[in-house]
C-alpha cells in the first residue's frame, strides 16, 4: 500500500472486483504489469498495459492498473482522468473513487476528495481504506479551518493547542 504525500491517504493497489477479471491469460497479463510496477519499471509497465488495452480497451482492471502506473509516475492529470472515467463507466467499483480521492487530497482539493470517498463508501460500506481516508480528509479540512482561524485570531491559545494536537494526529503512524 502506498501513502500519498500530504495528509497520508492510502492508495488501494489491490485487484478490482474479482468477477471483472478475465480468464487465465488475463491473469498473466495483470501479474506481468504488477511485477513491472513492483520492480519500479513504470515505463515498461505502462507500455505493457497499453498493449493489452489496445485489444481490450474496456477492461476495468487493466485500466485501473494503468491509472496506478500513471499515478506512481507522477502523471497526476492522466491518472485523475483515468480514475474519473472508471467511476463513470463502472460506478459500482469503489477503488477508483478511493484513488481519485487520494489525488484530489494531495492537491488540496479536500471537498472533491470527500465526495469521491463518500461514493467509495456508498458502493462498499465495508471498505476500511476509504473510511480511513475519509478521516484523513476531515483532518485536512480541520487543519485548513484552524489555520484560517489563527490568521484571524493569532493569539488564541486554545486554538494553537488544537492545531498542535491535529498535527500529531496527522503524522504517519507505523503499521
N, C-alpha and C. Protein backbone atom coordinates (compact mmCIF):
# COMPACT_ATOMS: atom_id res chain seq x y z
N UNK A 1 0.83 -1.17 0.00
CA UNK A 1 0.00 0.00 0.00
C UNK A 1 0.88 1.24 0.00
N UNK A 2 0.54 2.20 -0.76
CA UNK A 2 1.30 3.45 -0.85
C UNK A 2 0.61 4.52 -0.03
N UNK A 3 1.35 5.51 0.36
CA UNK A 3 0.80 6.66 1.04
C UNK A 3 1.07 7.87 0.18
N UNK A 4 0.03 8.62 -0.08
CA UNK A 4 0.17 9.83 -0.88
C UNK A 4 0.81 10.91 -0.03
N UNK A 5 1.50 11.85 -0.69
CA UNK A 5 2.07 12.98 0.03
C UNK A 5 0.93 13.81 0.60
N UNK A 6 1.19 14.51 1.64
CA UNK A 6 0.18 15.38 2.21
C UNK A 6 -0.39 14.75 3.47
N UNK A 7 -1.66 14.41 3.45
CA UNK A 7 -2.33 14.01 4.68
C UNK A 7 -2.33 12.51 4.91
N UNK A 8 -1.66 11.74 4.10
CA UNK A 8 -1.49 10.33 4.40
C UNK A 8 -2.61 9.43 3.95
N UNK A 9 -3.24 9.73 2.84
CA UNK A 9 -4.28 8.85 2.34
C UNK A 9 -3.67 7.59 1.77
N UNK A 10 -4.38 6.50 1.90
CA UNK A 10 -3.90 5.21 1.43
C UNK A 10 -4.44 4.93 0.03
N UNK A 11 -3.56 4.53 -0.84
CA UNK A 11 -3.94 4.16 -2.20
C UNK A 11 -4.21 2.67 -2.23
N UNK A 12 -5.31 2.28 -2.81
CA UNK A 12 -5.64 0.87 -2.94
C UNK A 12 -4.93 0.34 -4.17
N UNK A 13 -4.05 -0.64 -3.98
CA UNK A 13 -3.32 -1.19 -5.11
C UNK A 13 -3.76 -2.60 -5.43
N UNK A 14 -4.73 -3.09 -4.70
CA UNK A 14 -5.21 -4.46 -4.93
C UNK A 14 -6.01 -4.57 -6.21
N UNK A 15 -6.54 -5.74 -6.42
CA UNK A 15 -7.33 -6.01 -7.61
C UNK A 15 -8.71 -5.40 -7.46
N UNK A 16 -9.32 -5.10 -8.57
CA UNK A 16 -10.71 -4.72 -8.56
C UNK A 16 -11.53 -5.97 -8.31
N UNK A 17 -12.81 -5.83 -8.32
CA UNK A 17 -13.70 -6.95 -8.07
C UNK A 17 -13.30 -8.14 -8.93
N UNK A 18 -13.09 -9.29 -8.29
CA UNK A 18 -12.59 -10.48 -8.99
C UNK A 18 -13.50 -10.90 -10.13
N UNK A 19 -14.76 -10.64 -10.02
CA UNK A 19 -15.69 -11.04 -11.08
C UNK A 19 -15.40 -10.33 -12.40
N UNK A 20 -14.71 -9.21 -12.35
CA UNK A 20 -14.40 -8.47 -13.56
C UNK A 20 -13.16 -9.00 -14.27
N UNK A 21 -12.41 -9.83 -13.59
CA UNK A 21 -11.17 -10.35 -14.18
C UNK A 21 -11.50 -11.34 -15.28
N UNK A 22 -10.63 -11.38 -16.27
CA UNK A 22 -10.81 -12.32 -17.37
C UNK A 22 -10.27 -13.68 -17.01
N UNK A 23 -10.01 -14.47 -18.00
CA UNK A 23 -9.52 -15.83 -17.82
C UNK A 23 -8.05 -15.87 -17.46
N UNK A 24 -7.45 -17.06 -17.51
CA UNK A 24 -6.05 -17.22 -17.12
C UNK A 24 -5.07 -16.36 -17.91
N UNK A 25 -5.32 -16.17 -19.21
CA UNK A 25 -4.41 -15.33 -19.99
C UNK A 25 -4.39 -13.91 -19.44
N UNK A 26 -5.56 -13.42 -19.05
CA UNK A 26 -5.64 -12.08 -18.48
C UNK A 26 -4.87 -12.01 -17.17
N UNK A 27 -5.01 -13.04 -16.34
CA UNK A 27 -4.31 -13.07 -15.06
C UNK A 27 -2.80 -12.93 -15.27
N UNK A 28 -2.27 -13.59 -16.30
CA UNK A 28 -0.84 -13.47 -16.59
C UNK A 28 -0.48 -12.04 -16.98
N UNK A 29 -1.34 -11.41 -17.78
CA UNK A 29 -1.08 -10.03 -18.18
C UNK A 29 -1.08 -9.10 -16.97
N UNK A 30 -2.06 -9.27 -16.08
CA UNK A 30 -2.13 -8.44 -14.88
C UNK A 30 -0.90 -8.65 -14.02
N UNK A 31 -0.53 -9.92 -13.83
CA UNK A 31 0.62 -10.24 -12.99
C UNK A 31 1.90 -9.64 -13.57
N UNK A 32 2.04 -9.68 -14.88
CA UNK A 32 3.22 -9.11 -15.52
C UNK A 32 3.32 -7.61 -15.30
N UNK A 33 2.20 -6.92 -15.45
CA UNK A 33 2.19 -5.48 -15.24
C UNK A 33 2.48 -5.15 -13.77
N UNK A 34 1.83 -5.88 -12.85
CA UNK A 34 2.07 -5.63 -11.43
C UNK A 34 3.53 -5.88 -11.05
N UNK A 35 4.14 -6.92 -11.63
CA UNK A 35 5.54 -7.22 -11.32
C UNK A 35 6.45 -6.09 -11.80
N UNK A 36 6.19 -5.58 -13.00
CA UNK A 36 6.97 -4.45 -13.51
C UNK A 36 6.81 -3.23 -12.59
N UNK A 37 5.60 -3.02 -12.10
CA UNK A 37 5.37 -1.91 -11.19
C UNK A 37 6.16 -2.09 -9.90
N UNK A 38 6.12 -3.29 -9.33
CA UNK A 38 6.85 -3.57 -8.09
C UNK A 38 8.35 -3.36 -8.28
N UNK A 39 8.85 -3.66 -9.49
CA UNK A 39 10.27 -3.50 -9.78
C UNK A 39 10.64 -2.07 -10.14
N UNK A 40 9.66 -1.18 -10.14
CA UNK A 40 9.92 0.22 -10.46
C UNK A 40 10.09 0.49 -11.94
N UNK A 41 9.72 -0.46 -12.77
CA UNK A 41 9.83 -0.31 -14.22
C UNK A 41 8.51 0.25 -14.76
N UNK A 42 8.23 1.48 -14.40
CA UNK A 42 6.93 2.07 -14.72
C UNK A 42 6.72 2.26 -16.22
N UNK A 43 7.77 2.66 -16.94
CA UNK A 43 7.63 2.86 -18.38
C UNK A 43 7.28 1.54 -19.07
N UNK A 44 7.96 0.46 -18.67
CA UNK A 44 7.67 -0.86 -19.25
C UNK A 44 6.27 -1.33 -18.85
N UNK A 45 5.89 -1.08 -17.60
CA UNK A 45 4.55 -1.47 -17.14
C UNK A 45 3.48 -0.73 -17.92
N UNK A 46 3.71 0.56 -18.15
CA UNK A 46 2.75 1.36 -18.92
C UNK A 46 2.65 0.85 -20.35
N UNK A 47 3.79 0.54 -20.96
CA UNK A 47 3.78 0.01 -22.32
C UNK A 47 3.01 -1.30 -22.39
N UNK A 48 3.27 -2.19 -21.43
CA UNK A 48 2.58 -3.48 -21.43
C UNK A 48 1.08 -3.31 -21.20
N UNK A 49 0.70 -2.41 -20.30
CA UNK A 49 -0.72 -2.14 -20.05
C UNK A 49 -1.39 -1.58 -21.30
N UNK A 50 -0.73 -0.64 -21.97
CA UNK A 50 -1.30 -0.05 -23.18
C UNK A 50 -1.42 -1.07 -24.30
N UNK A 51 -0.45 -1.98 -24.41
CA UNK A 51 -0.54 -3.04 -25.43
C UNK A 51 -1.75 -3.92 -25.16
N UNK A 52 -1.94 -4.30 -23.91
CA UNK A 52 -3.08 -5.13 -23.55
C UNK A 52 -4.39 -4.39 -23.84
N UNK A 53 -4.43 -3.11 -23.47
CA UNK A 53 -5.65 -2.33 -23.65
C UNK A 53 -5.95 -2.03 -25.12
N UNK A 54 -4.96 -2.13 -25.98
CA UNK A 54 -5.22 -1.89 -27.40
C UNK A 54 -6.18 -2.95 -27.96
N UNK A 55 -6.16 -4.15 -27.40
CA UNK A 55 -7.10 -5.18 -27.86
C UNK A 55 -8.22 -5.43 -26.86
N UNK A 56 -8.14 -4.85 -25.67
CA UNK A 56 -9.17 -5.00 -24.63
C UNK A 56 -9.44 -3.63 -23.99
N UNK A 57 -9.92 -2.66 -24.76
CA UNK A 57 -9.98 -1.28 -24.28
C UNK A 57 -10.93 -1.04 -23.10
N UNK A 58 -11.87 -1.92 -22.87
CA UNK A 58 -12.83 -1.67 -21.79
C UNK A 58 -12.51 -2.45 -20.51
N UNK A 59 -11.41 -3.15 -20.48
CA UNK A 59 -11.05 -3.96 -19.31
C UNK A 59 -10.81 -3.04 -18.10
N UNK A 60 -11.70 -3.08 -17.11
CA UNK A 60 -11.57 -2.14 -16.00
C UNK A 60 -10.35 -2.41 -15.13
N UNK A 61 -9.97 -3.66 -14.98
CA UNK A 61 -8.84 -3.96 -14.11
C UNK A 61 -7.52 -3.45 -14.70
N UNK A 62 -7.31 -3.65 -15.99
CA UNK A 62 -6.07 -3.15 -16.60
C UNK A 62 -6.10 -1.63 -16.68
N UNK A 63 -7.27 -1.06 -16.89
CA UNK A 63 -7.36 0.40 -16.90
C UNK A 63 -7.02 0.95 -15.52
N UNK A 64 -7.44 0.26 -14.48
CA UNK A 64 -7.10 0.65 -13.12
C UNK A 64 -5.60 0.56 -12.89
N UNK A 65 -5.00 -0.54 -13.34
CA UNK A 65 -3.54 -0.68 -13.21
C UNK A 65 -2.81 0.41 -13.97
N UNK A 66 -3.30 0.74 -15.15
CA UNK A 66 -2.68 1.82 -15.93
C UNK A 66 -2.75 3.14 -15.17
N UNK A 67 -3.89 3.41 -14.55
CA UNK A 67 -4.04 4.64 -13.76
C UNK A 67 -3.08 4.63 -12.57
N UNK A 68 -2.91 3.48 -11.93
CA UNK A 68 -1.94 3.37 -10.84
C UNK A 68 -0.52 3.68 -11.33
N UNK A 69 -0.19 3.16 -12.49
CA UNK A 69 1.14 3.43 -13.07
C UNK A 69 1.30 4.93 -13.31
N UNK A 70 0.29 5.53 -13.90
CA UNK A 70 0.35 6.97 -14.16
C UNK A 70 0.51 7.75 -12.86
N UNK A 71 -0.23 7.34 -11.84
CA UNK A 71 -0.14 8.00 -10.55
C UNK A 71 1.27 7.87 -9.98
N UNK A 72 1.81 6.66 -10.01
CA UNK A 72 3.16 6.43 -9.48
C UNK A 72 4.23 7.16 -10.29
N UNK A 73 3.96 7.36 -11.58
CA UNK A 73 4.92 8.04 -12.46
C UNK A 73 4.78 9.56 -12.40
N UNK A 74 3.89 10.05 -11.56
CA UNK A 74 3.72 11.50 -11.44
C UNK A 74 2.85 12.12 -12.51
N UNK A 75 2.15 11.31 -13.26
CA UNK A 75 1.24 11.80 -14.31
C UNK A 75 -0.15 11.98 -13.69
N UNK A 76 -0.24 12.96 -12.79
CA UNK A 76 -1.45 13.13 -11.99
C UNK A 76 -2.69 13.43 -12.84
N UNK A 77 -2.57 14.32 -13.81
CA UNK A 77 -3.73 14.67 -14.64
C UNK A 77 -4.25 13.46 -15.39
N UNK A 78 -3.35 12.66 -15.92
CA UNK A 78 -3.76 11.46 -16.66
C UNK A 78 -4.41 10.44 -15.73
N UNK A 79 -3.85 10.29 -14.53
CA UNK A 79 -4.42 9.35 -13.56
C UNK A 79 -5.80 9.81 -13.13
N UNK A 80 -5.96 11.10 -12.88
CA UNK A 80 -7.28 11.63 -12.50
C UNK A 80 -8.29 11.37 -13.61
N UNK A 81 -7.90 11.62 -14.85
CA UNK A 81 -8.81 11.36 -15.97
C UNK A 81 -9.17 9.88 -16.06
N UNK A 82 -8.19 9.00 -15.84
CA UNK A 82 -8.45 7.57 -15.93
C UNK A 82 -9.37 7.10 -14.80
N UNK A 83 -9.11 7.54 -13.58
CA UNK A 83 -9.97 7.14 -12.47
C UNK A 83 -11.38 7.71 -12.65
N UNK A 84 -11.47 8.95 -13.11
CA UNK A 84 -12.78 9.55 -13.34
C UNK A 84 -13.57 8.76 -14.37
N UNK A 85 -12.91 8.38 -15.45
CA UNK A 85 -13.59 7.57 -16.48
C UNK A 85 -14.07 6.24 -15.91
N UNK A 86 -13.24 5.62 -15.09
CA UNK A 86 -13.65 4.35 -14.46
C UNK A 86 -14.86 4.54 -13.55
N UNK A 87 -14.90 5.64 -12.80
CA UNK A 87 -16.05 5.86 -11.91
C UNK A 87 -17.32 6.11 -12.72
N UNK A 88 -17.18 6.69 -13.89
CA UNK A 88 -18.35 6.95 -14.73
C UNK A 88 -18.84 5.68 -15.43
N UNK A 89 -17.90 4.86 -15.89
CA UNK A 89 -18.27 3.65 -16.62
C UNK A 89 -18.59 2.48 -15.71
N UNK A 90 -17.99 2.45 -14.53
CA UNK A 90 -18.17 1.36 -13.57
C UNK A 90 -18.44 1.94 -12.18
N UNK A 91 -19.57 2.62 -12.01
CA UNK A 91 -19.83 3.30 -10.73
C UNK A 91 -19.95 2.36 -9.54
N UNK A 92 -20.06 1.08 -9.78
CA UNK A 92 -20.17 0.11 -8.69
C UNK A 92 -18.82 -0.24 -8.07
N UNK A 93 -17.72 0.18 -8.70
CA UNK A 93 -16.38 -0.12 -8.19
C UNK A 93 -15.92 0.98 -7.23
N UNK A 94 -15.51 0.60 -6.05
CA UNK A 94 -15.12 1.59 -5.04
C UNK A 94 -13.67 2.04 -5.16
N UNK A 95 -12.78 1.18 -5.67
CA UNK A 95 -11.35 1.51 -5.69
C UNK A 95 -11.01 2.74 -6.53
N UNK A 96 -11.61 2.90 -7.73
CA UNK A 96 -11.28 4.12 -8.48
C UNK A 96 -11.69 5.41 -7.75
N UNK A 97 -12.82 5.36 -7.03
CA UNK A 97 -13.22 6.53 -6.24
C UNK A 97 -12.17 6.84 -5.17
N UNK A 98 -11.70 5.79 -4.49
CA UNK A 98 -10.71 5.98 -3.44
C UNK A 98 -9.43 6.61 -3.99
N UNK A 99 -8.92 6.07 -5.08
CA UNK A 99 -7.67 6.58 -5.63
C UNK A 99 -7.83 7.97 -6.21
N UNK A 100 -8.98 8.25 -6.77
CA UNK A 100 -9.28 9.60 -7.24
C UNK A 100 -9.24 10.57 -6.06
N UNK A 101 -9.80 10.15 -4.94
CA UNK A 101 -9.80 10.98 -3.74
C UNK A 101 -8.38 11.26 -3.26
N UNK A 102 -7.51 10.25 -3.31
CA UNK A 102 -6.12 10.43 -2.89
C UNK A 102 -5.46 11.54 -3.72
N UNK A 103 -5.69 11.52 -5.02
CA UNK A 103 -5.09 12.53 -5.89
C UNK A 103 -5.67 13.92 -5.61
N UNK A 104 -6.98 13.99 -5.42
CA UNK A 104 -7.59 15.30 -5.10
C UNK A 104 -7.03 15.84 -3.78
N UNK A 105 -6.95 14.99 -2.76
CA UNK A 105 -6.45 15.44 -1.46
C UNK A 105 -5.00 15.89 -1.56
N UNK A 106 -4.19 15.17 -2.33
CA UNK A 106 -2.78 15.55 -2.47
C UNK A 106 -2.64 16.93 -3.10
N UNK A 107 -3.65 17.34 -3.86
CA UNK A 107 -3.62 18.66 -4.49
C UNK A 107 -4.42 19.69 -3.68
N UNK A 108 -4.82 19.31 -2.44
CA UNK A 108 -5.52 20.24 -1.57
C UNK A 108 -6.99 20.42 -1.89
N UNK A 109 -7.53 19.59 -2.74
CA UNK A 109 -8.95 19.68 -3.10
C UNK A 109 -9.75 18.72 -2.21
N UNK A 110 -9.86 19.10 -0.94
CA UNK A 110 -10.45 18.22 0.06
C UNK A 110 -11.95 17.99 -0.16
N UNK A 111 -12.67 18.98 -0.67
CA UNK A 111 -14.10 18.78 -0.91
C UNK A 111 -14.33 17.73 -1.98
N UNK A 112 -13.53 17.77 -3.05
CA UNK A 112 -13.64 16.76 -4.10
C UNK A 112 -13.20 15.39 -3.58
N UNK A 113 -12.17 15.37 -2.75
CA UNK A 113 -11.71 14.11 -2.16
C UNK A 113 -12.81 13.52 -1.28
N UNK A 114 -13.43 14.35 -0.47
CA UNK A 114 -14.50 13.88 0.40
C UNK A 114 -15.65 13.30 -0.41
N UNK A 115 -16.05 13.98 -1.47
CA UNK A 115 -17.16 13.49 -2.30
C UNK A 115 -16.82 12.14 -2.93
N UNK A 116 -15.58 12.00 -3.41
CA UNK A 116 -15.17 10.73 -4.01
C UNK A 116 -15.15 9.61 -2.98
N UNK A 117 -14.67 9.91 -1.77
CA UNK A 117 -14.64 8.88 -0.73
C UNK A 117 -16.04 8.50 -0.27
N UNK A 118 -16.92 9.47 -0.23
CA UNK A 118 -18.30 9.13 0.12
C UNK A 118 -18.92 8.20 -0.92
N UNK A 119 -18.56 8.38 -2.18
CA UNK A 119 -19.03 7.46 -3.22
C UNK A 119 -18.40 6.08 -3.05
N UNK A 120 -17.13 6.04 -2.71
CA UNK A 120 -16.46 4.75 -2.49
C UNK A 120 -17.16 3.99 -1.37
N UNK A 121 -17.50 4.70 -0.31
CA UNK A 121 -18.16 4.07 0.83
C UNK A 121 -19.60 3.70 0.48
N UNK A 122 -20.25 4.51 -0.32
CA UNK A 122 -21.62 4.19 -0.74
C UNK A 122 -21.63 2.90 -1.56
N UNK A 123 -20.60 2.69 -2.38
CA UNK A 123 -20.55 1.47 -3.20
C UNK A 123 -20.10 0.27 -2.39
N UNK A 124 -19.33 0.50 -1.31
CA UNK A 124 -18.86 -0.60 -0.46
C UNK A 124 -18.74 -0.07 0.96
N UNK A 125 -19.79 -0.24 1.73
CA UNK A 125 -19.82 0.34 3.09
C UNK A 125 -18.77 -0.27 4.02
N UNK A 126 -18.20 -1.40 3.64
CA UNK A 126 -17.18 -2.07 4.46
C UNK A 126 -15.76 -1.81 3.97
N UNK A 127 -15.56 -0.81 3.15
CA UNK A 127 -14.26 -0.50 2.56
C UNK A 127 -13.45 0.30 3.58
N UNK A 128 -12.67 -0.41 4.39
CA UNK A 128 -11.93 0.20 5.51
C UNK A 128 -10.98 1.30 5.05
N UNK A 129 -10.28 1.09 3.95
CA UNK A 129 -9.31 2.09 3.46
C UNK A 129 -10.03 3.40 3.15
N UNK A 130 -11.20 3.33 2.53
CA UNK A 130 -11.94 4.55 2.21
C UNK A 130 -12.40 5.26 3.48
N UNK A 131 -12.82 4.50 4.48
CA UNK A 131 -13.21 5.12 5.76
C UNK A 131 -12.00 5.81 6.40
N UNK A 132 -10.85 5.14 6.38
CA UNK A 132 -9.64 5.75 6.94
C UNK A 132 -9.29 7.02 6.17
N UNK A 133 -9.35 6.95 4.87
CA UNK A 133 -9.01 8.11 4.05
C UNK A 133 -9.98 9.26 4.28
N UNK A 134 -11.26 8.95 4.48
CA UNK A 134 -12.23 10.00 4.76
C UNK A 134 -11.87 10.70 6.08
N UNK A 135 -11.44 9.94 7.07
CA UNK A 135 -10.98 10.55 8.32
C UNK A 135 -9.79 11.47 8.08
N UNK A 136 -8.86 11.03 7.22
CA UNK A 136 -7.70 11.86 6.90
C UNK A 136 -8.12 13.15 6.19
N UNK A 137 -9.11 13.06 5.32
CA UNK A 137 -9.61 14.25 4.63
C UNK A 137 -10.21 15.22 5.65
N UNK A 138 -10.97 14.67 6.59
CA UNK A 138 -11.53 15.55 7.63
C UNK A 138 -10.42 16.21 8.46
N UNK A 139 -9.33 15.49 8.71
CA UNK A 139 -8.18 16.11 9.40
C UNK A 139 -7.62 17.26 8.56
N UNK A 140 -7.52 17.04 7.25
CA UNK A 140 -7.02 18.09 6.37
C UNK A 140 -7.93 19.31 6.36
N UNK A 141 -9.23 19.08 6.33
CA UNK A 141 -10.20 20.19 6.37
C UNK A 141 -10.11 20.92 7.70
N UNK A 142 -9.94 20.17 8.79
CA UNK A 142 -9.81 20.80 10.11
C UNK A 142 -8.55 21.66 10.15
N UNK A 143 -7.47 21.16 9.57
CA UNK A 143 -6.23 21.94 9.54
C UNK A 143 -6.40 23.25 8.79
N UNK A 144 -7.12 23.20 7.68
CA UNK A 144 -7.38 24.44 6.93
C UNK A 144 -8.21 25.42 7.75
N UNK A 145 -9.22 24.90 8.44
CA UNK A 145 -10.08 25.77 9.25
C UNK A 145 -9.31 26.36 10.42
N UNK A 146 -8.50 25.55 11.09
CA UNK A 146 -7.71 26.07 12.20
C UNK A 146 -6.70 27.11 11.71
N UNK A 147 -6.10 26.84 10.57
CA UNK A 147 -5.15 27.80 10.01
C UNK A 147 -5.80 29.14 9.71
N UNK A 148 -6.98 29.09 9.14
CA UNK A 148 -7.70 30.34 8.82
C UNK A 148 -8.09 31.06 10.11
N UNK A 149 -8.56 30.30 11.10
CA UNK A 149 -8.95 30.91 12.37
C UNK A 149 -7.75 31.58 13.04
N UNK A 150 -6.58 30.97 12.94
CA UNK A 150 -5.37 31.57 13.52
C UNK A 150 -4.95 32.83 12.79
N UNK A 151 -5.22 32.89 11.49
CA UNK A 151 -4.93 34.13 10.77
C UNK A 151 -5.81 35.26 11.31
N UNK A 152 -7.01 34.93 11.70
CA UNK A 152 -7.95 35.93 12.19
C UNK A 152 -7.76 36.24 13.68
N UNK A 153 -7.23 35.26 14.43
CA UNK A 153 -7.07 35.41 15.87
C UNK A 153 -5.79 34.72 16.31
N UNK A 154 -4.64 35.34 15.98
CA UNK A 154 -3.33 34.72 16.19
C UNK A 154 -3.02 34.45 17.65
N UNK A 155 -3.63 35.13 18.56
CA UNK A 155 -3.32 34.95 19.98
C UNK A 155 -4.19 33.91 20.67
N UNK A 156 -5.01 33.21 19.98
CA UNK A 156 -5.92 32.24 20.59
C UNK A 156 -5.15 31.00 21.02
N UNK A 157 -4.84 30.91 22.32
CA UNK A 157 -4.02 29.83 22.87
C UNK A 157 -4.72 28.48 22.71
N UNK A 158 -6.02 28.44 22.95
CA UNK A 158 -6.78 27.19 22.80
C UNK A 158 -6.73 26.66 21.39
N UNK A 159 -6.80 27.54 20.43
CA UNK A 159 -6.75 27.16 19.02
C UNK A 159 -5.36 26.64 18.65
N UNK A 160 -4.33 27.28 19.20
CA UNK A 160 -2.96 26.79 18.96
C UNK A 160 -2.80 25.37 19.49
N UNK A 161 -3.38 25.09 20.65
CA UNK A 161 -3.30 23.74 21.22
C UNK A 161 -4.04 22.73 20.33
N UNK A 162 -5.20 23.11 19.83
CA UNK A 162 -5.95 22.23 18.92
C UNK A 162 -5.14 21.94 17.66
N UNK A 163 -4.54 22.98 17.11
CA UNK A 163 -3.75 22.80 15.89
C UNK A 163 -2.56 21.87 16.15
N UNK A 164 -1.94 22.01 17.31
CA UNK A 164 -0.82 21.15 17.67
C UNK A 164 -1.27 19.69 17.78
N UNK A 165 -2.41 19.43 18.43
CA UNK A 165 -2.92 18.06 18.53
C UNK A 165 -3.28 17.51 17.16
N UNK A 166 -3.82 18.35 16.31
CA UNK A 166 -4.16 17.92 14.96
C UNK A 166 -2.91 17.50 14.19
N UNK A 167 -1.85 18.26 14.32
CA UNK A 167 -0.58 17.91 13.65
C UNK A 167 -0.07 16.56 14.12
N UNK A 168 -0.21 16.29 15.42
CA UNK A 168 0.22 14.99 15.94
C UNK A 168 -0.61 13.86 15.34
N UNK A 169 -1.90 14.07 15.19
CA UNK A 169 -2.78 13.08 14.57
C UNK A 169 -2.41 12.83 13.12
N UNK A 170 -1.99 13.88 12.45
CA UNK A 170 -1.71 13.79 11.01
C UNK A 170 -0.38 13.14 10.71
N UNK A 171 0.48 12.96 11.71
CA UNK A 171 1.76 12.32 11.47
C UNK A 171 1.55 10.85 11.09
N UNK A 172 2.32 10.35 10.15
CA UNK A 172 2.16 8.94 9.76
C UNK A 172 2.41 8.03 10.95
N UNK A 173 1.54 7.05 11.11
CA UNK A 173 1.66 6.09 12.20
C UNK A 173 2.31 4.82 11.66
N UNK A 174 3.23 4.22 12.44
CA UNK A 174 3.82 2.95 11.98
C UNK A 174 2.77 1.86 11.92
N UNK A 175 2.90 0.99 10.91
CA UNK A 175 1.93 -0.10 10.74
C UNK A 175 2.58 -1.40 10.98
